[in-house]
Amino acid sequence: MNKLVRFVKEESGATAIEYGLIAAATGLALVAIMPTIKTQLGDIFTSISGGLETGG
């Protein structure tokens, strides 16, 4: 019975699960945002490249 009480009160496993959920949510957010960032960065670098070719 004493082991069961210690197991229920143990929170380190819950903390690891919480960190895992945070990492998963961050990963999903990055996957959702990356296509937009890719397009915007492509446009920026194309603009810079065009400016460099024309001399300003």
N, C-alpha and C. Protein backbone atom coordinates (compact mmCIF):
# COMPACT_ATOMS: atom_id res chain seq x y z
N MET A 1 0.83 -1.20 0.00
CA MET A 1 0.00 0.00 0.00
C MET A 1 0.87 1.26 0.00
N ASN A 2 1.99 1.22 0.73
CA ASN A 2 2.89 2.36 0.82
C ASN A 2 3.47 2.70 -0.56
N LYS A 3 3.79 1.68 -1.35
CA LYS A 3 4.32 1.91 -2.68
C LYS A 3 3.29 2.57 -3.59
N LEU A 4 2.03 2.18 -3.44
CA LEU A 4 0.96 2.76 -4.25
C LEU A 4 0.80 4.25 -3.93
N VAL A 5 0.87 4.60 -2.67
CA VAL A 5 0.74 6.00 -2.25
C VAL A 5 1.90 6.81 -2.83
N ARG A 6 3.12 6.29 -2.76
CA ARG A 6 4.28 7.00 -3.32
C ARG A 6 4.15 7.15 -4.83
N PHE A 7 3.63 6.11 -5.49
CA PHE A 7 3.45 6.17 -6.94
C PHE A 7 2.46 7.25 -7.33
N VAL A 8 1.36 7.36 -6.59
CA VAL A 8 0.33 8.35 -6.89
C VAL A 8 0.85 9.77 -6.65
N LYS A 9 1.68 9.95 -5.62
CA LYS A 9 2.20 11.27 -5.29
C LYS A 9 3.38 11.68 -6.18
N GLU A 10 4.00 10.74 -6.86
CA GLU A 10 5.16 11.03 -7.71
C GLU A 10 4.74 11.90 -8.89
N GLU A 11 5.45 13.02 -9.10
CA GLU A 11 5.08 13.95 -10.15
C GLU A 11 6.12 14.06 -11.26
N SER A 12 7.24 13.40 -11.15
CA SER A 12 8.28 13.53 -12.18
C SER A 12 7.82 12.97 -13.51
N GLY A 13 7.04 11.91 -13.51
CA GLY A 13 6.49 11.37 -14.75
C GLY A 13 5.54 12.35 -15.41
N ALA A 14 4.72 13.01 -14.60
CA ALA A 14 3.78 13.99 -15.13
C ALA A 14 4.53 15.16 -15.76
N THR A 15 5.63 15.55 -15.15
CA THR A 15 6.42 16.66 -15.69
C THR A 15 7.01 16.28 -17.04
N ALA A 16 7.50 15.06 -17.16
CA ALA A 16 8.06 14.60 -18.43
C ALA A 16 6.99 14.59 -19.52
N ILE A 17 5.80 14.16 -19.16
CA ILE A 17 4.70 14.14 -20.13
C ILE A 17 4.34 15.56 -20.54
N GLU A 18 4.33 16.48 -19.61
CA GLU A 18 4.03 17.88 -19.93
C GLU A 18 5.05 18.46 -20.89
N TYR A 19 6.34 18.18 -20.64
CA TYR A 19 7.38 18.65 -21.55
C TYR A 19 7.21 18.02 -22.93
N GLY A 20 6.84 16.77 -22.97
CA GLY A 20 6.59 16.11 -24.25
C GLY A 20 5.45 16.75 -25.01
N LEU A 21 4.39 17.10 -24.31
CA LEU A 21 3.25 17.77 -24.96
C LEU A 21 3.63 19.16 -25.46
N ILE A 22 4.44 19.87 -24.69
CA ILE A 22 4.89 21.20 -25.13
C ILE A 22 5.74 21.08 -26.38
N ALA A 23 6.64 20.10 -26.41
CA ALA A 23 7.49 19.89 -27.57
C ALA A 23 6.66 19.51 -28.79
N ALA A 24 5.66 18.67 -28.60
CA ALA A 24 4.79 18.27 -29.71
C ALA A 24 4.00 19.46 -30.24
N ALA A 25 3.48 20.29 -29.36
CA ALA A 25 2.72 21.47 -29.79
C ALA A 25 3.62 22.45 -30.54
N THR A 26 4.84 22.63 -30.05
CA THR A 26 5.79 23.51 -30.74
C THR A 26 6.11 22.98 -32.13
N GLY A 27 6.31 21.68 -32.23
CA GLY A 27 6.58 21.07 -33.53
C GLY A 27 5.44 21.25 -34.50
N LEU A 28 4.22 21.05 -34.03
CA LEU A 28 3.05 21.22 -34.90
C LEU A 28 2.91 22.68 -35.35
N ALA A 29 3.18 23.60 -34.45
CA ALA A 29 3.09 25.02 -34.81
C ALA A 29 4.13 25.36 -35.87
N LEU A 30 5.34 24.84 -35.74
CA LEU A 30 6.38 25.10 -36.73
C LEU A 30 6.02 24.50 -38.09
N VAL A 31 5.46 23.31 -38.08
CA VAL A 31 5.05 22.68 -39.34
C VAL A 31 3.97 23.51 -40.01
N ALA A 32 3.08 24.09 -39.25
CA ALA A 32 2.01 24.90 -39.81
C ALA A 32 2.51 26.24 -40.34
N ILE A 33 3.53 26.82 -39.70
CA ILE A 33 3.99 28.16 -40.05
C ILE A 33 5.06 28.15 -41.14
N MET A 34 5.84 27.09 -41.25
CA MET A 34 6.98 27.06 -42.17
C MET A 34 6.64 27.37 -43.64
N PRO A 35 5.55 26.86 -44.20
CA PRO A 35 5.27 27.20 -45.60
C PRO A 35 5.12 28.70 -45.84
N THR A 36 4.49 29.39 -44.90
CA THR A 36 4.32 30.84 -45.03
C THR A 36 5.67 31.55 -44.93
N ILE A 37 6.48 31.14 -43.97
CA ILE A 37 7.80 31.76 -43.80
C ILE A 37 8.66 31.49 -45.03
N LYS A 38 8.57 30.29 -45.57
CA LYS A 38 9.36 29.94 -46.76
C LYS A 38 9.00 30.87 -47.91
N THR A 39 7.74 31.09 -48.15
CA THR A 39 7.31 31.96 -49.24
C THR A 39 7.78 33.39 -49.02
N GLN A 40 7.61 33.89 -47.82
CA GLN A 40 8.02 35.26 -47.52
C GLN A 40 9.53 35.44 -47.64
N LEU A 41 10.29 34.49 -47.14
CA LEU A 41 11.75 34.59 -47.26
C LEU A 41 12.20 34.52 -48.71
N GLY A 42 11.54 33.67 -49.49
CA GLY A 42 11.85 33.59 -50.91
C GLY A 42 11.63 34.92 -51.60
N ASP A 43 10.53 35.58 -51.28
CA ASP A 43 10.24 36.89 -51.86
C ASP A 43 11.28 37.93 -51.45
N ILE A 44 11.69 37.90 -50.19
CA ILE A 44 12.68 38.85 -49.69
C ILE A 44 14.01 38.66 -50.41
N PHE A 45 14.46 37.41 -50.52
CA PHE A 45 15.75 37.16 -51.17
C PHE A 45 15.70 37.45 -52.67
N THR A 46 14.56 37.24 -53.29
CA THR A 46 14.41 37.60 -54.70
C THR A 46 14.51 39.10 -54.88
N SER A 47 13.89 39.85 -53.98
CA SER A 47 13.96 41.31 -54.03
C SER A 47 15.39 41.79 -53.81
N ILE A 48 16.09 41.22 -52.86
CA ILE A 48 17.48 41.61 -52.60
C ILE A 48 18.35 41.28 -53.80
N SER A 49 18.16 40.12 -54.38
CA SER A 49 18.94 39.71 -55.53
C SER A 49 18.71 40.66 -56.71
N GLY A 50 17.45 41.02 -56.93
CA GLY A 50 17.14 41.97 -58.01
C GLY A 50 17.77 43.33 -57.78
N GLY A 51 17.77 43.77 -56.53
CA GLY A 51 18.40 45.05 -56.20
C GLY A 51 19.89 45.04 -56.40
N LEU A 52 20.52 43.93 -56.08
CA LEU A 52 21.95 43.82 -56.27
C LEU A 52 22.33 43.78 -57.75
N GLU A 53 21.51 43.15 -58.56
CA GLU A 53 21.79 43.05 -59.99
C GLU A 53 21.67 44.41 -60.69
N THR A 54 20.73 45.23 -60.23
CA THR A 54 20.53 46.52 -60.87
C THR A 54 21.42 47.61 -60.26
N GLY A 55 22.08 47.29 -59.18
CA GLY A 55 22.98 48.25 -58.56
C GLY A 55 22.32 49.19 -57.58
N GLY A 56 21.18 48.82 -57.06
CA GLY A 56 20.61 49.67 -56.04
C GLY A 56 19.15 49.73 -56.17
